Amino acid sequence: MAGASGDAMPGAKTIISCAVTGNLVRPDQHPALPVTPAEIARAAIDAGRAGAAIAHIHVREPDTGKPSMRIELFREVVDRIRDSGADILINLTTGEGGRFAPSEDDPRLAGPGTTLLPPLRRVEHVVELKPDLCSLDFNTMNSGGQVVINTPVNVRKMAAAIVAAGVKPELEVFDTGDIHMAGDMIAEGLLPGRPFFQIVTGVRYGCASTAETVAYMKSILPAGALWSAFGIGRHEYPMLAAAKVLGGHVRVGMEDNIYIRHGELVRDNAQLVERAVALLDILGAEPASASEARDILGI
């Protein structure tokens, strides 16, 4: 399976993804965290103007800020972005609905914090709204005191529905086994076209945020695969530099990090993108436009 991955050619543009809100950062941690559909759409539009080619989107319950899977919230965000004419690709999450917290009395039973949903329920907003991309998580791992569960059977069901809808999956991998499972699905023809991997580092009990880790993850990707990588919190920009130097694309955003420097909250997602553009410039790279990202990804 492993081989030379699809490194950016000299002079090629670098795709910046911006993950604008996520599901773990709380509104009380940052007063400008996008919560309502209008705020999330505005964050995506502003990120595009700052230099991001892709907006990675979760939605939240407007009254509480808690993670949500409601299609009407996704629809409002997507419609607002599309109606604005913003030059940015839309990437919807399918990560919600995969968390299990065992009951203290009986670990076979779900306890508080469990979000497990049937696999096709986790992608129904993608099938209906048909974004440019959507995430497809391959990880089954410890996460805090809970477990994220993505079984091979369920990931295959989700992948089939995503591909049938004409949406390109972004293959999110948190450890080496995730890449091997994705490789099996590519070999089976379930994930056609040139794959696009997102290497996630810094999540506790997953990949460490080190250049050595990213280099090894890259080394076992399927031959010709496109890839990106990112780090959580203070590792956001070191991992951006590592990904670029190793030939990959990059990601920033308030899902991953809410500080612009030690102890200073970031203004908004656009400021994180602006810093990414500046760092890429130091490294001799330019951000890809949405149109250029479409060409790179084969969308």
Protein backbone atom coordinates (compact mmCIF):
# COMPACT_ATOMS: atom_id res chain seq x y z
CA MET A 1 0.00 0.00 0.00
CA ALA A 2 2.67 2.47 1.00
CA GLY A 3 4.57 4.48 -1.55
CA ALA A 4 5.58 7.95 -2.59
CA SER A 5 2.76 10.29 -1.61
CA GLY A 6 1.61 13.18 -3.74
CA ASP A 7 4.02 15.88 -2.60
CA ALA A 8 3.42 19.37 -3.94
CA MET A 9 5.56 20.08 -6.99
CA PRO A 10 7.97 23.04 -6.88
CA GLY A 11 5.95 26.21 -7.41
CA ALA A 12 2.66 24.47 -6.65
CA LYS A 13 0.16 26.21 -4.42
CA THR A 14 -0.60 25.08 -0.87
CA ILE A 15 -4.19 24.45 0.21
CA ILE A 16 -5.16 26.07 3.51
CA SER A 17 -8.17 24.54 5.25
CA CYS A 18 -9.83 26.49 8.04
CA ALA A 19 -11.81 24.54 10.65
CA VAL A 20 -13.94 27.36 11.99
CA THR A 21 -15.67 25.99 15.11
CA GLY A 22 -15.40 22.24 15.83
CA ASN A 23 -17.21 20.45 18.65
CA LEU A 24 -14.97 20.67 21.73
CA VAL A 25 -14.03 24.33 22.21
CA ARG A 26 -16.67 26.00 24.39
CA PRO A 27 -18.12 29.50 23.97
CA ASP A 28 -16.95 30.37 27.48
CA GLN A 29 -13.37 29.71 26.34
CA HIS A 30 -13.55 32.31 23.57
CA PRO A 31 -16.24 35.00 23.24
CA ALA A 32 -15.91 35.13 19.45
CA LEU A 33 -16.26 31.39 18.85
CA PRO A 34 -18.75 30.96 15.96
CA VAL A 35 -21.92 29.30 17.26
CA THR A 36 -24.97 30.33 15.22
CA PRO A 37 -25.31 29.43 11.52
CA ALA A 38 -24.82 33.10 10.62
CA GLU A 39 -21.63 33.29 12.68
CA ILE A 40 -20.26 30.03 11.28
CA ALA A 41 -20.99 31.07 7.69
CA ARG A 42 -19.42 34.49 8.26
CA ALA A 43 -16.32 32.85 9.75
CA ALA A 44 -15.99 30.64 6.67
CA ILE A 45 -16.43 33.56 4.29
CA ASP A 46 -13.88 35.68 6.16
CA ALA A 47 -11.43 32.77 6.24
CA GLY A 48 -11.72 32.50 2.46
CA ARG A 49 -11.00 36.18 2.04
CA ALA A 50 -7.95 35.79 4.27
CA GLY A 51 -6.53 33.00 2.08
CA ALA A 52 -8.19 29.70 3.00
CA ALA A 53 -9.39 27.53 0.12
CA ILE A 54 -11.49 25.16 2.25
CA ALA A 55 -13.81 25.78 5.20
CA HIS A 56 -14.28 22.73 7.44
CA ILE A 57 -17.65 23.08 9.13
CA HIS A 58 -19.35 21.74 12.25
CA VAL A 59 -22.62 23.17 13.54
CA ARG A 60 -23.79 23.93 17.07
CA GLU A 61 -27.07 24.45 18.82
CA PRO A 62 -27.51 28.24 18.70
CA ASP A 63 -28.94 28.49 22.23
CA THR A 64 -26.36 26.35 24.01
CA GLY A 65 -23.31 26.18 21.76
CA LYS A 66 -23.29 22.39 22.06
CA PRO A 67 -22.40 20.23 19.03
CA SER A 68 -25.30 19.40 16.73
CA MET A 69 -26.13 17.23 13.75
CA ARG A 70 -29.35 18.99 12.77
CA ILE A 71 -29.65 19.17 8.99
CA GLU A 72 -31.45 22.51 9.10
CA LEU A 73 -28.43 24.09 10.80
CA PHE A 74 -26.04 22.66 8.21
CA ARG A 75 -28.39 23.80 5.45
CA GLU A 76 -28.48 27.38 6.72
CA VAL A 77 -24.70 27.55 6.93
CA VAL A 78 -24.23 26.08 3.46
CA ASP A 79 -26.90 28.31 1.91
CA ARG A 80 -25.40 31.42 3.47
CA ILE A 81 -21.94 30.62 2.13
CA ARG A 82 -23.21 29.72 -1.34
CA ASP A 83 -25.50 32.74 -1.54
CA SER A 84 -22.61 35.04 -0.62
CA GLY A 85 -20.62 33.97 -3.66
CA ALA A 86 -17.60 33.35 -1.42
CA ASP A 87 -14.62 31.73 -3.11
CA ILE A 88 -14.19 28.82 -0.71
CA LEU A 89 -14.85 25.08 -0.82
CA ILE A 90 -17.31 23.70 1.71
CA ASN A 91 -16.20 20.70 3.78
CA LEU A 92 -18.84 19.34 6.18
CA THR A 93 -17.93 17.16 9.13
CA THR A 94 -19.27 13.64 9.60
CA GLY A 95 -17.36 13.20 12.85
CA GLU A 96 -20.32 13.75 15.14
CA GLY A 97 -22.17 10.65 16.30
CA GLY A 98 -19.14 8.44 16.94
CA ARG A 99 -18.51 8.84 20.67
CA PHE A 100 -19.20 6.20 23.34
CA ALA A 101 -19.00 6.72 27.10
CA PRO A 102 -19.54 3.49 29.06
CA SER A 103 -21.92 3.49 31.99
CA GLU A 104 -20.16 3.25 35.33
CA ASP A 105 -22.53 0.48 36.43
CA ASP A 106 -22.37 -1.58 33.24
CA PRO A 107 -19.69 -0.83 30.62
CA ARG A 108 -21.81 -2.55 27.97
CA LEU A 109 -24.36 0.27 28.26
CA ALA A 110 -24.05 3.82 27.06
CA GLY A 111 -23.56 6.47 29.71
CA PRO A 112 -23.76 10.28 29.67
CA GLY A 113 -21.76 11.79 26.80
CA THR A 114 -22.50 9.00 24.33
CA THR A 115 -23.41 10.31 20.86
CA LEU A 116 -23.34 7.10 18.82
CA LEU A 117 -25.54 7.23 15.72
CA PRO A 118 -26.12 4.80 12.84
CA PRO A 119 -23.54 5.43 10.10
CA LEU A 120 -26.00 6.64 7.47
CA ARG A 121 -27.45 9.12 9.95
CA ARG A 122 -23.97 10.62 10.28
CA VAL A 123 -23.79 11.38 6.55
CA GLU A 124 -27.40 12.29 5.71
CA HIS A 125 -26.61 16.03 5.70
CA VAL A 126 -23.81 15.35 3.21
CA VAL A 127 -26.09 13.31 0.95
CA GLU A 128 -28.74 16.04 1.04
CA LEU A 129 -26.59 19.17 0.79
CA LYS A 130 -23.76 17.83 -1.43
CA PRO A 131 -20.83 19.95 -0.26
CA ASP A 132 -17.53 19.96 -2.13
CA LEU A 133 -15.92 17.71 0.49
CA CYS A 134 -16.72 16.07 3.79
CA SER A 135 -14.55 14.54 6.47
CA LEU A 136 -14.48 10.77 6.90
CA ASP A 137 -12.92 9.69 10.20
CA PHE A 138 -11.06 6.39 10.39
CA ASN A 139 -10.15 6.48 14.08
CA THR A 140 -11.28 4.19 16.84
CA MET A 141 -9.42 5.52 19.88
CA ASN A 142 -9.53 6.70 23.48
CA SER A 143 -10.57 10.33 23.72
CA GLY A 144 -10.52 11.78 27.23
CA GLY A 145 -12.58 9.40 29.35
CA GLN A 146 -14.57 8.22 26.34
CA VAL A 147 -14.01 6.23 23.17
CA VAL A 148 -14.46 7.30 19.56
CA ILE A 149 -15.73 4.36 17.51
CA ASN A 150 -15.47 4.08 13.73
CA THR A 151 -15.66 0.40 12.83
CA PRO A 152 -14.55 -0.80 9.38
CA VAL A 153 -18.11 -1.85 8.55
CA ASN A 154 -19.58 1.54 9.46
CA VAL A 155 -16.83 3.55 7.77
CA ARG A 156 -17.46 1.56 4.59
CA LYS A 157 -21.18 2.37 4.77
CA MET A 158 -20.45 6.05 5.23
CA ALA A 159 -17.87 6.07 2.43
CA ALA A 160 -20.27 4.43 -0.02
CA ALA A 161 -22.98 7.02 0.71
CA ILE A 162 -20.52 9.92 0.41
CA VAL A 163 -19.12 8.73 -2.92
CA ALA A 164 -22.62 8.00 -4.29
CA ALA A 165 -23.56 11.61 -3.48
CA GLY A 166 -20.66 12.87 -5.61
CA VAL A 167 -18.80 14.34 -2.64
CA LYS A 168 -15.05 13.98 -2.17
CA PRO A 169 -14.14 12.48 1.21
CA GLU A 170 -11.29 13.99 3.21
CA LEU A 171 -9.78 10.97 4.95
CA GLU A 172 -9.04 11.97 8.55
CA VAL A 173 -6.41 9.75 10.14
CA PHE A 174 -5.23 9.87 13.76
CA ASP A 175 -2.78 6.95 13.85
CA THR A 176 -1.04 4.50 11.55
CA GLY A 177 -3.79 1.87 11.60
CA ASP A 178 -6.23 4.43 10.21
CA ILE A 179 -4.05 4.78 7.11
CA HIS A 180 -3.92 1.01 6.66
CA MET A 181 -7.72 0.76 6.86
CA ALA A 182 -8.10 3.59 4.34
CA GLY A 183 -5.59 1.83 2.09
CA ASP A 184 -7.70 -1.33 2.13
CA MET A 185 -10.78 0.66 1.11
CA ILE A 186 -8.86 2.38 -1.68
CA ALA A 187 -7.61 -0.98 -2.93
CA GLU A 188 -11.19 -2.28 -2.90
CA GLY A 189 -12.29 0.63 -5.11
CA LEU A 190 -14.60 2.01 -2.44
CA LEU A 191 -12.74 5.34 -2.45
CA PRO A 192 -12.18 6.16 -6.13
CA GLY A 193 -9.96 8.91 -7.46
CA ARG A 194 -6.88 10.43 -5.91
CA PRO A 195 -7.29 10.23 -2.11
CA PHE A 196 -6.89 13.29 0.12
CA PHE A 197 -5.69 12.50 3.65
CA GLN A 198 -5.83 14.82 6.65
CA ILE A 199 -3.25 13.80 9.28
CA VAL A 200 -4.47 14.84 12.73
CA THR A 201 -1.81 15.39 15.41
CA GLY A 202 -1.99 16.49 19.00
CA VAL A 203 -5.20 14.71 20.01
CA ARG A 204 -4.40 12.86 23.22
CA TYR A 205 -3.75 9.15 22.58
CA GLY A 206 -3.40 9.75 18.84
CA CYS A 207 -0.47 10.98 16.76
CA ALA A 208 2.01 13.21 18.57
CA SER A 209 2.59 16.71 17.17
CA THR A 210 6.14 16.17 15.97
CA ALA A 211 7.79 16.47 12.57
CA GLU A 212 8.99 12.87 12.94
CA THR A 213 5.42 11.65 13.38
CA VAL A 214 4.17 13.54 10.33
CA ALA A 215 7.10 12.27 8.27
CA TYR A 216 6.33 8.66 9.23
CA MET A 217 2.60 9.03 8.61
CA LYS A 218 3.38 10.50 5.21
CA SER A 219 5.74 7.62 4.43
CA ILE A 220 2.98 4.99 4.72
CA LEU A 221 0.33 6.81 2.70
CA PRO A 222 -0.83 5.09 -0.48
CA ALA A 223 1.22 5.94 -3.54
CA GLY A 224 0.17 9.24 -5.11
CA ALA A 225 -2.07 10.32 -2.25
CA LEU A 226 -2.56 14.00 -1.54
CA TRP A 227 -2.26 14.96 2.10
CA SER A 228 -2.49 17.69 4.69
CA ALA A 229 -1.64 17.79 8.40
CA PHE A 230 -2.36 19.94 11.41
CA GLY A 231 -1.65 20.26 15.13
CA ILE A 232 -3.81 21.12 18.11
CA GLY A 233 -3.31 24.17 20.33
CA ARG A 234 0.26 25.49 20.53
CA HIS A 235 1.31 22.92 17.94
CA GLU A 236 -0.81 24.49 15.19
CA TYR A 237 1.91 26.50 13.48
CA PRO A 238 4.87 24.17 14.11
CA MET A 239 2.85 21.40 12.42
CA LEU A 240 1.87 23.77 9.61
CA ALA A 241 5.57 24.36 8.93
CA ALA A 242 6.36 20.64 9.19
CA ALA A 243 3.55 19.71 6.79
CA LYS A 244 4.64 22.30 4.24
CA VAL A 245 8.33 21.38 4.41
CA LEU A 246 7.41 17.71 3.98
CA GLY A 247 5.33 18.47 0.89
CA GLY A 248 1.79 18.58 2.29
CA HIS A 249 -1.09 20.99 2.60
CA VAL A 250 -2.13 22.68 5.86
CA ARG A 251 -4.99 23.46 8.23
CA VAL A 252 -5.70 26.05 10.92
CA GLY A 253 -8.84 27.27 12.67
CA MET A 254 -10.60 27.78 15.98
CA GLU A 255 -11.63 24.13 16.10
CA ASP A 256 -7.95 23.37 16.70
CA ASN A 257 -6.56 26.45 18.43
CA ILE A 258 -7.95 29.68 19.93
CA TYR A 259 -4.66 31.52 20.59
CA ILE A 260 -2.60 33.66 18.22
CA ARG A 261 0.35 33.57 20.62
CA HIS A 262 0.95 32.40 24.18
CA GLY A 263 -1.77 33.75 26.44
CA GLU A 264 -3.43 35.91 23.75
CA LEU A 265 -6.76 34.84 22.30
CA VAL A 266 -6.99 35.02 18.55
CA ARG A 267 -9.27 37.71 17.07
CA ASP A 268 -11.09 35.25 14.81
CA ASN A 269 -10.52 32.48 12.28
CA ALA A 270 -9.39 34.95 9.64
CA GLN A 271 -6.46 35.99 11.84
CA LEU A 272 -5.35 32.35 12.10
CA VAL A 273 -5.48 32.10 8.29
CA GLU A 274 -3.57 35.36 7.92
CA ARG A 275 -0.80 33.98 10.13
CA ALA A 276 -0.76 30.78 8.05
CA VAL A 277 -0.40 32.79 4.83
CA ALA A 278 2.47 34.77 6.37
CA LEU A 279 4.25 31.60 7.50
CA LEU A 280 3.82 29.98 4.10
CA ASP A 281 5.32 33.11 2.53
CA ILE A 282 8.39 32.76 4.77
CA LEU A 283 8.67 29.17 3.54
CA GLY A 284 8.45 30.30 -0.09
CA ALA A 285 4.91 29.06 -0.67
CA GLU A 286 1.64 30.61 -1.80
CA PRO A 287 -1.91 29.72 -0.74
CA ALA A 288 -4.13 28.05 -3.32
CA SER A 289 -7.37 29.72 -4.30
CA ALA A 290 -10.57 27.70 -4.15
CA SER A 291 -10.38 27.20 -7.92
CA GLU A 292 -6.79 26.01 -7.68
CA ALA A 293 -7.73 23.71 -4.81
CA ARG A 294 -10.45 22.17 -6.98
CA ASP A 295 -7.85 21.40 -9.64
CA ILE A 296 -5.39 19.98 -7.12
CA LEU A 297 -8.00 17.76 -5.47
CA GLY A 298 -9.74 16.73 -8.69
CA ILE A 299 -13.13 18.06 -7.65
